[in-house]
Amino acid sequence: MGTIDDPRIGIALGGGSARGLAHIPFIEAMDEMGLRPDRIAGTSIGALIGSGWAAGMTGREIRELSQERLGSMNGLFGRLLSTHMRSVKQVLAEGLSIQLNAEKVYDAFTPLDMPATFEELTIPFSCIATDFKSWHQVVFHEGPLRPAVAGSLAIPSLFKPVHYHETLLVDGGVVNPLPLDIAAAGSNILIGIDVNGDPQDWPREAVPSALDIGLGSAQIMMHALTAHMIAAYPPDLYFRPFLSAYGAHEYWRVREIIAAGDKEKDRFKRLLGDKIEEFIAAQRKIS
């Protein structure tokens, strides 16, 4: 008789700005099942949340931290502005910029004891950014964690690009919003969590703001890229929480967005349990 091994689980956490907070219930679901992935790959907010998970945080801890840091409009903007304050001398010399510093935002929304490097994480983790100079995807899995995740987070125009070695990094969602290709390596069960959302139902008289147009256009692009990725690397489990009611910038609605992910939690646990049973049954037949 051969040995029966547990399946290796790879999970891709997609980008979607504020909607990415819906990743949290899926992490909690795996915690409640006594499971942890063998590989995590994240893009944009999926990289930020995935790095915390890979560092050893539970889903419950990530939920509590998110609600603490994002739970009110005043608290959110106070933290964002505190990462962006510059001296009067700098403003006079350089002009007033509305672009946020992605590395300081990373610091504002991660715990103080966050590991400094990929090598210190407890779960293998990769994050995806885009090199604006070469137009290529950059996959980080070793070295300093902060610039890699910050680069993955750096939504074009909203964030300053992150200079790292010879690259100029912007949001990984520009090239790979749901990194199934990276999560698939060595995995027996491949999971994709797509938090990009769906089209909003704009009233006829409504005029989208410049921010709405910019983020919405990125959302359309990410939807198309994700469809191609799913065709190339079909996941065993694919979840796309219903998130059209939440804007990409509405981080202060953290509790509502997480609650939208909660609606998929039981179904996720049931289907993941079924996949694990199927994998074990197939091994028994072979042995």
Protein backbone atom coordinates (compact mmCIF):
# COMPACT_ATOMS: atom_id res chain seq x y z
CA MET A 1 0.00 0.00 0.00
CA GLY A 2 1.29 3.46 -0.90
CA THR A 3 1.06 6.43 1.40
CA ILE A 4 -1.84 8.87 1.13
CA ASP A 5 -0.62 12.45 0.97
CA ASP A 6 -2.60 15.60 1.64
CA PRO A 7 -3.14 17.71 -1.47
CA ARG A 8 -0.91 20.70 -2.04
CA ILE A 9 -3.14 23.77 -2.21
CA GLY A 10 -2.19 26.82 -4.23
CA ILE A 11 -4.32 29.95 -3.94
CA ALA A 12 -4.34 33.12 -6.04
CA LEU A 13 -5.67 36.28 -4.38
CA GLY A 14 -6.66 38.80 -7.01
CA GLY A 15 -6.58 42.58 -7.18
CA GLY A 16 -9.61 44.78 -6.76
CA SER A 17 -8.65 47.68 -4.48
CA ALA A 18 -11.15 47.98 -1.60
CA ARG A 19 -13.13 45.01 -2.90
CA GLY A 20 -10.12 42.87 -2.06
CA LEU A 21 -11.16 42.95 1.60
CA ALA A 22 -13.57 40.17 0.58
CA HIS A 23 -10.54 37.83 0.53
CA ILE A 24 -10.61 37.70 4.31
CA PRO A 25 -13.54 35.26 4.81
CA PHE A 26 -11.86 32.72 2.51
CA ILE A 27 -8.76 32.81 4.72
CA GLU A 28 -10.97 32.35 7.78
CA ALA A 29 -12.69 29.40 6.10
CA MET A 30 -9.39 27.60 5.60
CA ASP A 31 -8.42 28.36 9.20
CA GLU A 32 -11.69 26.83 10.40
CA MET A 33 -11.02 23.72 8.30
CA GLY A 34 -7.55 23.38 9.82
CA LEU A 35 -5.94 23.99 6.42
CA ARG A 36 -3.25 26.27 5.15
CA PRO A 37 -2.13 26.69 1.56
CA ASP A 38 1.21 25.43 0.33
CA ARG A 39 1.59 28.48 -1.91
CA ILE A 40 0.00 31.94 -1.95
CA ALA A 41 0.22 34.28 -4.93
CA GLY A 42 -1.22 37.78 -4.68
CA THR A 43 -1.71 40.85 -6.81
CA SER A 44 -2.33 44.38 -5.48
CA ILE A 45 -4.54 44.17 -2.38
CA GLY A 46 -4.32 40.39 -2.77
CA ALA A 47 -0.57 40.83 -2.27
CA LEU A 48 -1.09 42.94 0.85
CA ILE A 49 -3.56 40.53 2.45
CA GLY A 50 -1.66 37.49 1.19
CA SER A 51 1.58 38.72 2.75
CA GLY A 52 -0.11 38.97 6.14
CA TRP A 53 -1.50 35.45 5.76
CA ALA A 54 1.90 34.13 4.68
CA ALA A 55 3.44 35.84 7.72
CA GLY A 56 1.29 33.69 10.00
CA MET A 57 -1.71 35.94 10.64
CA THR A 58 -5.07 34.20 10.93
CA GLY A 59 -8.08 35.33 8.97
CA ARG A 60 -9.63 36.62 12.17
CA GLU A 61 -6.53 38.70 12.92
CA ILE A 62 -6.55 40.14 9.40
CA ARG A 63 -10.26 40.99 9.77
CA GLU A 64 -9.68 42.74 13.10
CA LEU A 65 -6.67 44.67 11.80
CA SER A 66 -8.57 45.76 8.68
CA GLN A 67 -11.55 46.97 10.69
CA GLU A 68 -9.27 48.81 13.11
CA ARG A 69 -7.27 50.58 10.38
CA LEU A 70 -10.06 51.18 7.85
CA GLY A 71 -13.27 51.21 9.87
CA SER A 72 -14.19 54.88 9.53
CA MET A 73 -13.82 57.62 6.93
CA ASN A 74 -11.90 59.81 9.38
CA GLY A 75 -9.61 57.01 10.49
CA LEU A 76 -8.87 55.95 6.92
CA PHE A 77 -8.06 59.38 5.57
CA GLY A 78 -6.10 60.29 8.70
CA ARG A 79 -3.82 57.32 8.08
CA LEU A 80 -3.51 57.99 4.37
CA LEU A 81 -2.72 61.67 4.89
CA SER A 82 -0.23 60.89 7.63
CA THR A 83 1.74 58.80 5.13
CA HIS A 84 1.79 61.67 2.66
CA MET A 85 2.55 64.81 4.70
CA ARG A 86 5.56 66.71 3.46
CA SER A 87 7.32 69.80 4.71
CA VAL A 88 6.36 73.26 3.46
CA LYS A 89 9.82 73.50 1.90
CA GLN A 90 9.25 70.30 -0.10
CA VAL A 91 5.84 71.47 -1.30
CA LEU A 92 7.24 74.82 -2.44
CA ALA A 93 10.14 73.13 -4.19
CA GLU A 94 8.26 70.22 -5.79
CA GLY A 95 4.62 71.25 -5.93
CA LEU A 96 1.69 69.57 -4.26
CA SER A 97 1.16 66.00 -5.43
CA ILE A 98 -1.94 63.92 -4.82
CA GLN A 99 -0.04 60.69 -5.39
CA LEU A 100 0.38 58.47 -2.36
CA ASN A 101 3.60 56.75 -1.34
CA ALA A 102 2.85 53.01 -1.62
CA GLU A 103 5.61 51.97 0.78
CA LYS A 104 4.30 54.29 3.51
CA VAL A 105 0.78 53.03 2.89
CA TYR A 106 2.13 49.48 3.29
CA ASP A 107 3.60 50.51 6.65
CA ALA A 108 0.31 52.09 7.74
CA PHE A 109 -1.72 48.96 7.07
CA THR A 110 0.56 46.15 8.25
CA PRO A 111 1.39 45.07 11.82
CA LEU A 112 4.54 46.37 13.48
CA ASP A 113 6.06 42.88 13.63
CA MET A 114 5.60 42.18 9.92
CA PRO A 115 8.57 40.16 8.59
CA ALA A 116 11.08 42.12 6.56
CA THR A 117 11.80 39.46 3.93
CA PHE A 118 10.04 36.74 1.96
CA GLU A 119 12.37 34.20 3.54
CA GLU A 120 10.94 34.94 7.00
CA LEU A 121 7.36 34.10 5.98
CA THR A 122 5.77 30.87 7.21
CA ILE A 123 4.02 30.07 3.89
CA PRO A 124 5.71 30.37 0.47
CA PHE A 125 4.44 33.62 -1.03
CA SER A 126 4.81 35.43 -4.33
CA CYS A 127 3.50 38.80 -5.37
CA ILE A 128 3.13 40.32 -8.79
CA ALA A 129 4.01 43.84 -9.87
CA THR A 130 4.43 45.52 -13.25
CA ASP A 131 7.71 47.08 -14.39
CA PHE A 132 6.63 50.32 -16.05
CA LYS A 133 9.98 50.59 -17.85
CA SER A 134 9.88 47.22 -19.61
CA TRP A 135 6.06 46.62 -19.58
CA HIS A 136 6.75 43.17 -18.11
CA GLN A 137 5.39 41.26 -15.16
CA VAL A 138 7.73 41.01 -12.18
CA VAL A 139 7.22 38.11 -9.75
CA PHE A 140 8.75 38.55 -6.30
CA HIS A 141 9.36 35.58 -4.01
CA GLU A 142 12.60 36.44 -2.23
CA GLY A 143 14.36 39.42 -0.71
CA PRO A 144 12.76 42.47 0.94
CA LEU A 145 8.98 42.21 1.30
CA ARG A 146 8.05 45.89 1.68
CA PRO A 147 9.04 47.26 -1.76
CA ALA A 148 7.67 44.20 -3.55
CA VAL A 149 4.20 44.39 -1.98
CA ALA A 150 4.18 48.19 -2.21
CA GLY A 151 4.97 47.95 -5.92
CA SER A 152 2.16 45.45 -6.40
CA LEU A 153 -0.19 47.93 -4.66
CA ALA A 154 0.85 51.00 -6.62
CA ILE A 155 -2.28 51.80 -8.65
CA PRO A 156 -1.16 53.99 -11.58
CA SER A 157 -1.71 57.74 -11.01
CA LEU A 158 -3.12 57.21 -7.49
CA PHE A 159 0.24 55.96 -6.15
CA LYS A 160 3.76 56.95 -7.01
CA PRO A 161 5.65 54.14 -8.76
CA VAL A 162 8.05 52.26 -6.51
CA HIS A 163 11.73 52.41 -7.48
CA TYR A 164 13.33 49.06 -6.74
CA HIS A 165 16.75 48.16 -8.13
CA GLU A 166 16.46 48.74 -11.89
CA THR A 167 12.66 48.57 -12.00
CA LEU A 168 9.90 51.15 -11.72
CA LEU A 169 7.00 49.23 -10.21
CA VAL A 170 3.27 49.82 -10.59
CA ASP A 171 0.20 47.76 -9.76
CA GLY A 172 0.47 44.08 -10.66
CA GLY A 173 -3.14 44.16 -11.86
CA VAL A 174 -1.93 45.92 -15.02
CA VAL A 175 -0.47 42.60 -16.24
CA ASN A 176 -1.82 39.82 -14.00
CA PRO A 177 -4.83 40.58 -11.80
CA LEU A 178 -5.39 36.94 -10.73
CA PRO A 179 -2.02 35.13 -10.62
CA LEU A 180 -3.21 31.56 -11.12
CA ASP A 181 -0.06 30.80 -13.12
CA ILE A 182 2.13 31.46 -10.09
CA ALA A 183 -0.15 29.71 -7.57
CA ALA A 184 -0.41 26.64 -9.82
CA ALA A 185 3.25 25.65 -9.47
CA GLY A 186 3.37 22.30 -7.65
CA SER A 187 -0.28 22.49 -6.60
CA ASN A 188 -2.80 19.64 -6.62
CA ILE A 189 -5.74 21.94 -5.90
CA LEU A 190 -5.70 25.39 -7.46
CA ILE A 191 -7.97 28.09 -6.03
CA GLY A 192 -8.70 31.51 -7.52
CA ILE A 193 -10.42 34.29 -5.57
CA ASP A 194 -11.48 37.03 -7.99
CA VAL A 195 -12.48 40.28 -6.25
CA ASN A 196 -12.47 42.54 -9.29
CA GLY A 197 -16.24 42.93 -9.04
CA ASP A 198 -18.90 43.51 -11.69
CA PRO A 199 -20.23 46.46 -13.72
CA GLN A 200 -22.06 49.08 -11.69
CA ASP A 201 -25.64 49.98 -12.56
CA TRP A 202 -25.15 53.68 -13.29
CA PRO A 203 -28.40 55.72 -13.26
CA ARG A 204 -29.04 57.52 -16.56
CA GLU A 205 -28.47 60.96 -15.03
CA ALA A 206 -25.32 59.95 -13.14
CA VAL A 207 -21.97 61.24 -14.40
CA PRO A 208 -19.03 59.13 -13.21
CA SER A 209 -16.18 61.12 -11.67
CA ALA A 210 -12.66 61.07 -13.09
CA LEU A 211 -11.71 58.65 -10.31
CA ASP A 212 -14.68 56.40 -11.15
CA ILE A 213 -13.71 56.39 -14.83
CA GLY A 214 -10.06 55.64 -14.09
CA LEU A 215 -10.68 52.82 -11.64
CA GLY A 216 -13.60 51.47 -13.67
CA SER A 217 -11.49 51.32 -16.82
CA ALA A 218 -8.82 49.41 -14.91
CA GLN A 219 -11.54 47.05 -13.70
CA ILE A 220 -12.62 46.34 -17.30
CA MET A 221 -9.01 45.63 -18.29
CA MET A 222 -8.51 43.32 -15.31
CA HIS A 223 -11.70 41.42 -16.16
CA ALA A 224 -10.39 40.67 -19.66
CA LEU A 225 -6.95 39.63 -18.41
CA THR A 226 -8.48 37.36 -15.78
CA ALA A 227 -10.60 35.58 -18.38
CA HIS A 228 -7.46 34.74 -20.36
CA MET A 229 -5.65 33.55 -17.21
CA ILE A 230 -8.54 31.26 -16.25
CA ALA A 231 -8.50 29.74 -19.74
CA ALA A 232 -4.75 29.09 -19.51
CA TYR A 233 -4.72 27.87 -15.88
CA PRO A 234 -8.22 26.59 -15.02
CA PRO A 235 -8.65 26.64 -11.24
CA ASP A 236 -10.23 23.72 -9.41
CA LEU A 237 -12.18 26.25 -7.36
CA TYR A 238 -13.02 29.75 -8.59
CA PHE A 239 -14.92 32.23 -6.44
CA ARG A 240 -16.08 35.68 -7.43
CA PRO A 241 -18.00 37.35 -4.59
CA PHE A 242 -20.78 39.74 -5.63
CA LEU A 243 -19.15 43.13 -5.06
CA SER A 244 -20.66 45.51 -7.61
CA ALA A 245 -22.19 47.64 -4.85
CA TYR A 246 -18.75 48.69 -3.57
CA GLY A 247 -16.44 51.20 -5.20
CA ALA A 248 -12.78 50.42 -5.64
CA HIS A 249 -11.87 53.33 -3.35
CA GLU A 250 -14.45 52.70 -0.59
CA TYR A 251 -12.12 51.15 1.95
CA TRP A 252 -14.10 52.65 4.83
CA ARG A 253 -16.91 50.18 3.96
CA VAL A 254 -14.64 47.41 5.21
CA ARG A 255 -17.32 45.67 7.28
CA GLU A 256 -19.81 45.58 4.41
CA ILE A 257 -17.24 44.31 1.92
CA ILE A 258 -16.07 41.55 4.25
CA ALA A 259 -19.72 40.64 4.86
CA ALA A 260 -20.14 40.17 1.09
CA GLY A 261 -17.32 37.63 1.20
CA ASP A 262 -18.90 35.97 4.23
CA LYS A 263 -21.84 34.93 2.04
CA GLU A 264 -19.54 32.59 0.10
CA LYS A 265 -17.76 31.14 3.11
CA ASP A 266 -19.87 28.02 3.71
CA ARG A 267 -20.00 27.13 0.02
CA PHE A 268 -16.23 27.54 -0.21
CA LYS A 269 -15.68 25.19 2.73
CA ARG A 270 -18.05 22.59 1.30
CA LEU A 271 -16.53 22.62 -2.19
CA LEU A 272 -12.96 22.65 -0.91
CA GLY A 273 -13.78 19.69 1.34
CA ASP A 274 -15.19 17.86 -1.69
CA LYS A 275 -12.03 18.53 -3.71
CA ILE A 276 -9.82 17.22 -0.92
CA GLU A 277 -11.93 14.05 -0.63
CA GLU A 278 -11.72 13.53 -4.40
CA PHE A 279 -7.95 13.88 -4.30
CA ILE A 280 -7.57 11.38 -1.45
CA ALA A 281 -9.98 8.91 -3.11
CA ALA A 282 -7.97 9.06 -6.35
CA GLN A 283 -4.76 8.26 -4.42
CA ARG A 284 -6.41 5.26 -2.76
CA LYS A 285 -7.35 3.86 -6.18
CA ILE A 286 -3.79 4.21 -7.39
CA SER A 287 -2.29 2.62 -4.26
